[in-house]
N, C-alpha and C. Protein backbone atom coordinates (compact mmCIF):
# COMPACT_ATOMS: atom_id res chain seq x y z
N UNK A 1 34.63 164.21 -153.52
CA UNK A 1 34.93 164.24 -152.11
C UNK A 1 36.13 163.36 -151.83
N UNK A 2 36.82 163.70 -150.76
CA UNK A 2 38.01 162.96 -150.34
C UNK A 2 37.86 162.52 -148.90
N UNK A 3 38.48 161.40 -148.58
CA UNK A 3 38.60 160.94 -147.21
C UNK A 3 40.08 160.93 -146.89
N UNK A 4 40.44 161.67 -145.85
CA UNK A 4 41.84 161.81 -145.45
C UNK A 4 42.04 160.99 -144.18
N UNK A 5 43.05 160.13 -144.21
CA UNK A 5 43.52 159.43 -143.03
C UNK A 5 44.85 160.07 -142.67
N UNK A 6 44.93 160.71 -141.53
CA UNK A 6 46.17 161.36 -141.11
C UNK A 6 46.64 160.73 -139.80
N UNK A 7 47.80 160.09 -139.84
CA UNK A 7 48.36 159.46 -138.66
C UNK A 7 49.34 160.44 -138.04
N UNK A 8 49.04 160.84 -136.80
CA UNK A 8 49.76 161.91 -136.12
C UNK A 8 50.34 161.37 -134.82
N UNK A 9 51.54 161.81 -134.47
CA UNK A 9 52.13 161.47 -133.18
C UNK A 9 51.23 162.00 -132.07
N UNK A 10 51.07 161.24 -131.01
CA UNK A 10 50.20 161.67 -129.90
C UNK A 10 50.60 163.03 -129.34
N UNK A 11 51.89 163.36 -129.38
CA UNK A 11 52.35 164.65 -128.87
C UNK A 11 51.77 165.82 -129.65
N UNK A 12 51.39 165.60 -130.90
CA UNK A 12 50.88 166.67 -131.76
C UNK A 12 49.37 166.60 -131.98
N UNK A 13 48.72 165.55 -131.53
CA UNK A 13 47.32 165.34 -131.89
C UNK A 13 46.39 166.45 -131.39
N UNK A 14 46.63 166.95 -130.19
CA UNK A 14 45.76 168.00 -129.67
C UNK A 14 45.89 169.28 -130.51
N UNK A 15 47.11 169.64 -130.87
CA UNK A 15 47.32 170.84 -131.68
C UNK A 15 46.68 170.71 -133.06
N UNK A 16 46.79 169.54 -133.66
CA UNK A 16 46.18 169.30 -134.97
C UNK A 16 44.66 169.37 -134.85
N UNK A 17 44.10 168.70 -133.85
CA UNK A 17 42.65 168.70 -133.69
C UNK A 17 42.13 170.11 -133.44
N UNK A 18 42.80 170.87 -132.60
CA UNK A 18 42.37 172.25 -132.31
C UNK A 18 42.42 173.11 -133.57
N UNK A 19 43.47 172.99 -134.34
CA UNK A 19 43.61 173.80 -135.56
C UNK A 19 42.56 173.41 -136.61
N UNK A 20 42.28 172.12 -136.73
CA UNK A 20 41.24 171.68 -137.67
C UNK A 20 39.88 172.23 -137.26
N UNK A 21 39.56 172.12 -135.98
CA UNK A 21 38.28 172.61 -135.46
C UNK A 21 38.16 174.11 -135.64
N UNK A 22 39.22 174.84 -135.33
CA UNK A 22 39.22 176.30 -135.47
C UNK A 22 39.00 176.72 -136.93
N UNK A 23 39.46 175.89 -137.87
CA UNK A 23 39.28 176.19 -139.29
C UNK A 23 37.97 175.66 -139.85
N UNK A 24 37.15 175.06 -138.99
CA UNK A 24 35.82 174.61 -139.42
C UNK A 24 35.76 173.19 -139.93
N UNK A 25 36.81 172.39 -139.73
CA UNK A 25 36.82 171.01 -140.20
C UNK A 25 36.50 170.07 -139.05
N UNK A 26 35.76 169.03 -139.36
CA UNK A 26 35.44 168.02 -138.36
C UNK A 26 36.24 166.77 -138.66
N UNK A 27 36.66 166.10 -137.61
CA UNK A 27 37.46 164.89 -137.78
C UNK A 27 37.04 163.85 -136.76
N UNK A 28 37.14 162.60 -137.17
CA UNK A 28 36.95 161.49 -136.25
C UNK A 28 38.34 161.06 -135.80
N UNK A 29 38.51 160.92 -134.50
CA UNK A 29 39.81 160.64 -133.90
C UNK A 29 39.86 159.20 -133.41
N UNK A 30 40.87 158.46 -133.85
CA UNK A 30 41.03 157.06 -133.46
C UNK A 30 42.39 156.85 -132.82
N UNK A 31 42.45 156.06 -131.75
CA UNK A 31 43.73 155.70 -131.16
C UNK A 31 44.39 154.63 -132.03
N UNK A 32 45.69 154.77 -132.25
CA UNK A 32 46.42 153.80 -133.06
C UNK A 32 47.84 153.71 -132.53
N UNK A 33 48.58 152.72 -133.01
CA UNK A 33 49.98 152.61 -132.60
C UNK A 33 50.81 152.22 -133.81
N UNK A 34 52.05 152.70 -133.82
CA UNK A 34 52.94 152.43 -134.94
C UNK A 34 53.56 151.04 -134.83
N UNK A 35 53.94 150.49 -135.95
CA UNK A 35 54.53 149.16 -135.97
C UNK A 35 56.01 149.15 -135.65
N UNK A 36 56.72 150.25 -135.87
CA UNK A 36 58.16 150.28 -135.65
C UNK A 36 58.50 150.51 -134.18
N UNK A 37 58.00 151.59 -133.60
CA UNK A 37 58.32 151.92 -132.21
C UNK A 37 57.25 151.46 -131.24
N UNK A 38 56.13 150.97 -131.75
CA UNK A 38 55.00 150.57 -130.92
C UNK A 38 54.52 151.72 -130.04
N UNK A 39 54.69 152.93 -130.51
CA UNK A 39 54.30 154.12 -129.75
C UNK A 39 52.89 154.54 -130.15
N UNK A 40 52.25 155.27 -129.25
CA UNK A 40 50.90 155.72 -129.50
C UNK A 40 50.82 156.80 -130.56
N UNK A 41 49.84 156.70 -131.40
CA UNK A 41 49.54 157.69 -132.43
C UNK A 41 48.05 158.00 -132.36
N UNK A 42 47.67 159.01 -133.10
CA UNK A 42 46.26 159.32 -133.29
C UNK A 42 46.02 159.33 -134.79
N UNK A 43 44.99 158.63 -135.22
CA UNK A 43 44.61 158.64 -136.63
C UNK A 43 43.33 159.46 -136.76
N UNK A 44 43.41 160.49 -137.59
CA UNK A 44 42.24 161.33 -137.86
C UNK A 44 41.64 160.90 -139.20
N UNK A 45 40.32 160.79 -139.23
CA UNK A 45 39.58 160.57 -140.47
C UNK A 45 38.81 161.86 -140.73
N UNK A 46 39.09 162.45 -141.90
CA UNK A 46 38.50 163.74 -142.23
C UNK A 46 37.90 163.65 -143.63
N UNK A 47 36.63 163.97 -143.74
CA UNK A 47 35.97 164.00 -145.04
C UNK A 47 35.95 165.45 -145.52
N UNK A 48 36.27 165.65 -146.79
CA UNK A 48 36.42 167.01 -147.29
C UNK A 48 36.04 167.11 -148.77
N UNK A 49 35.61 168.30 -149.13
CA UNK A 49 35.46 168.60 -150.56
C UNK A 49 36.86 168.67 -151.18
N UNK A 50 36.96 168.38 -152.45
CA UNK A 50 38.25 168.35 -153.13
C UNK A 50 39.03 169.66 -152.99
N UNK A 51 38.33 170.78 -153.05
CA UNK A 51 39.01 172.07 -153.03
C UNK A 51 39.54 172.46 -151.64
N UNK A 52 39.18 171.72 -150.60
CA UNK A 52 39.66 171.99 -149.24
C UNK A 52 40.83 171.09 -148.84
N UNK A 53 41.18 170.16 -149.70
CA UNK A 53 42.21 169.17 -149.39
C UNK A 53 43.55 169.81 -149.03
N UNK A 54 44.02 170.74 -149.84
CA UNK A 54 45.32 171.37 -149.58
C UNK A 54 45.31 172.16 -148.27
N UNK A 55 44.20 172.80 -147.95
CA UNK A 55 44.09 173.54 -146.69
C UNK A 55 44.22 172.61 -145.49
N UNK A 56 43.57 171.47 -145.56
CA UNK A 56 43.64 170.50 -144.46
C UNK A 56 45.05 169.95 -144.31
N UNK A 57 45.67 169.59 -145.41
CA UNK A 57 47.03 169.06 -145.35
C UNK A 57 48.00 170.11 -144.83
N UNK A 58 47.81 171.37 -145.20
CA UNK A 58 48.66 172.45 -144.67
C UNK A 58 48.51 172.58 -143.16
N UNK A 59 47.30 172.46 -142.65
CA UNK A 59 47.07 172.52 -141.20
C UNK A 59 47.80 171.36 -140.52
N UNK A 60 47.70 170.17 -141.09
CA UNK A 60 48.37 169.01 -140.51
C UNK A 60 49.88 169.21 -140.51
N UNK A 61 50.43 169.70 -141.63
CA UNK A 61 51.87 169.96 -141.72
C UNK A 61 52.33 170.98 -140.68
N UNK A 62 51.56 172.02 -140.52
CA UNK A 62 51.94 173.10 -139.61
C UNK A 62 51.98 172.66 -138.15
N UNK A 63 51.15 171.69 -137.79
CA UNK A 63 51.02 171.32 -136.38
C UNK A 63 51.58 169.94 -136.05
N UNK A 64 52.21 169.28 -137.03
CA UNK A 64 52.83 167.97 -136.80
C UNK A 64 54.34 168.13 -136.95
N UNK A 65 55.05 167.95 -135.87
CA UNK A 65 56.48 168.24 -135.89
C UNK A 65 57.31 166.97 -135.73
N UNK A 66 58.38 166.90 -136.52
CA UNK A 66 59.32 165.80 -136.36
C UNK A 66 60.24 166.14 -135.20
N UNK A 67 60.66 165.11 -134.50
CA UNK A 67 61.57 165.28 -133.37
C UNK A 67 62.47 164.06 -133.28
N UNK A 68 63.56 164.21 -132.58
CA UNK A 68 64.49 163.10 -132.39
C UNK A 68 64.15 162.38 -131.08
N UNK A 69 64.30 161.06 -131.08
CA UNK A 69 64.02 160.27 -129.90
C UNK A 69 65.02 159.11 -129.86
N UNK A 70 65.45 158.77 -128.68
CA UNK A 70 66.35 157.63 -128.52
C UNK A 70 65.53 156.37 -128.24
N UNK A 71 65.88 155.27 -128.94
CA UNK A 71 65.21 153.99 -128.74
C UNK A 71 66.28 152.92 -128.58
N UNK A 72 65.93 151.80 -127.96
CA UNK A 72 66.93 150.71 -127.84
C UNK A 72 67.39 150.26 -129.21
N UNK A 73 68.64 149.86 -129.29
CA UNK A 73 69.23 149.38 -130.53
C UNK A 73 68.46 148.17 -131.03
N UNK A 74 68.07 148.15 -132.30
CA UNK A 74 67.25 147.05 -132.83
C UNK A 74 67.99 145.73 -132.82
N UNK A 75 69.33 145.74 -132.82
CA UNK A 75 70.07 144.48 -132.78
C UNK A 75 69.84 143.76 -131.45
N UNK A 76 69.45 144.53 -130.44
CA UNK A 76 69.17 143.92 -129.13
C UNK A 76 67.94 143.02 -129.21
N UNK A 77 66.99 143.37 -130.06
CA UNK A 77 65.77 142.57 -130.17
C UNK A 77 66.05 141.21 -130.77
N UNK A 78 66.91 141.15 -131.78
CA UNK A 78 67.14 139.88 -132.48
C UNK A 78 67.99 138.92 -131.67
N UNK A 79 68.92 139.46 -130.87
CA UNK A 79 69.79 138.57 -130.10
C UNK A 79 69.22 138.20 -128.74
N UNK A 80 68.19 138.93 -128.30
CA UNK A 80 67.62 138.67 -127.00
C UNK A 80 68.38 139.36 -125.88
N UNK A 81 69.43 140.07 -126.23
CA UNK A 81 70.23 140.78 -125.23
C UNK A 81 69.96 142.27 -125.33
N UNK A 82 70.19 142.95 -124.23
CA UNK A 82 69.98 144.40 -124.20
C UNK A 82 71.33 145.10 -124.29
N UNK A 83 71.46 146.06 -125.17
CA UNK A 83 72.68 146.86 -125.23
C UNK A 83 72.39 148.21 -124.60
N UNK A 84 73.41 148.84 -124.09
CA UNK A 84 73.23 150.13 -123.44
C UNK A 84 73.40 151.29 -124.41
N UNK A 85 73.43 151.01 -125.70
CA UNK A 85 73.64 152.05 -126.70
C UNK A 85 72.36 152.29 -127.49
N UNK A 86 71.56 153.24 -127.07
CA UNK A 86 70.33 153.52 -127.82
C UNK A 86 70.66 154.20 -129.16
N UNK A 87 69.72 154.14 -130.05
CA UNK A 87 69.86 154.73 -131.38
C UNK A 87 68.90 155.91 -131.47
N UNK A 88 69.37 156.98 -132.07
CA UNK A 88 68.51 158.16 -132.25
C UNK A 88 67.74 158.01 -133.56
N UNK A 89 66.42 158.17 -133.49
CA UNK A 89 65.56 158.08 -134.67
C UNK A 89 64.67 159.31 -134.74
N UNK A 90 64.18 159.60 -135.92
CA UNK A 90 63.26 160.71 -136.12
C UNK A 90 61.84 160.18 -135.98
N UNK A 91 61.05 160.82 -135.12
CA UNK A 91 59.65 160.45 -134.93
C UNK A 91 58.79 161.68 -135.15
N UNK A 92 57.51 161.47 -135.21
CA UNK A 92 56.59 162.60 -135.37
C UNK A 92 56.30 162.89 -136.82
N UNK A 93 55.88 164.10 -137.06
CA UNK A 93 55.42 164.43 -138.41
C UNK A 93 54.05 163.82 -138.62
N UNK A 94 53.72 163.57 -139.84
CA UNK A 94 52.42 162.98 -140.15
C UNK A 94 52.53 162.08 -141.37
N UNK A 95 51.73 161.05 -141.38
CA UNK A 95 51.55 160.22 -142.56
C UNK A 95 50.12 160.40 -143.00
N UNK A 96 49.93 160.83 -144.25
CA UNK A 96 48.60 161.20 -144.73
C UNK A 96 48.24 160.36 -145.95
N UNK A 97 47.07 159.75 -145.90
CA UNK A 97 46.51 159.01 -147.03
C UNK A 97 45.25 159.73 -147.47
N UNK A 98 45.06 159.86 -148.78
CA UNK A 98 43.87 160.51 -149.32
C UNK A 98 43.21 159.55 -150.30
N UNK A 99 41.92 159.31 -150.09
CA UNK A 99 41.17 158.43 -150.99
C UNK A 99 39.92 159.14 -151.50
N UNK A 100 39.46 158.73 -152.65
CA UNK A 100 38.19 159.23 -153.18
C UNK A 100 37.05 158.51 -152.47
N UNK A 101 35.97 159.23 -152.22
CA UNK A 101 34.78 158.58 -151.69
C UNK A 101 33.59 158.93 -152.58
N UNK A 102 32.67 158.01 -152.67
CA UNK A 102 31.50 158.22 -153.51
C UNK A 102 30.36 158.89 -152.76
N UNK A 103 30.30 158.64 -151.46
CA UNK A 103 29.16 159.14 -150.70
C UNK A 103 29.57 159.39 -149.26
N UNK A 104 29.04 160.48 -148.70
CA UNK A 104 29.28 160.84 -147.31
C UNK A 104 28.01 161.39 -146.74
N UNK A 105 27.60 160.87 -145.59
CA UNK A 105 26.38 161.37 -144.93
C UNK A 105 26.63 161.46 -143.44
N UNK A 106 26.08 162.51 -142.83
CA UNK A 106 26.04 162.59 -141.38
C UNK A 106 24.57 162.46 -140.99
N UNK A 107 24.25 161.41 -140.26
CA UNK A 107 22.86 161.16 -139.88
C UNK A 107 22.69 161.22 -138.39
């Protein structure tokens, strides 16, 4: 068995959750935030048989989209001053961790 931790941008979390549910997978949904942009994310915990792992990751890939976003220039943070030149960064997509688990029970 595997335990999947999938960190998804909040903009994509509903689509990912709906697709997982439609495909018969159950997930625990946790609110989280990223360390770089301090933006809201959703972390899904999904327990799965080994042979379903690729199907789950494909669903996550299909419904998690990267997008461009403007953020304040990071040099502004270190100097304490604000610059009017934001920097474009890529956000979204998914970060997925897969671990082995020895036991899983729903009680």
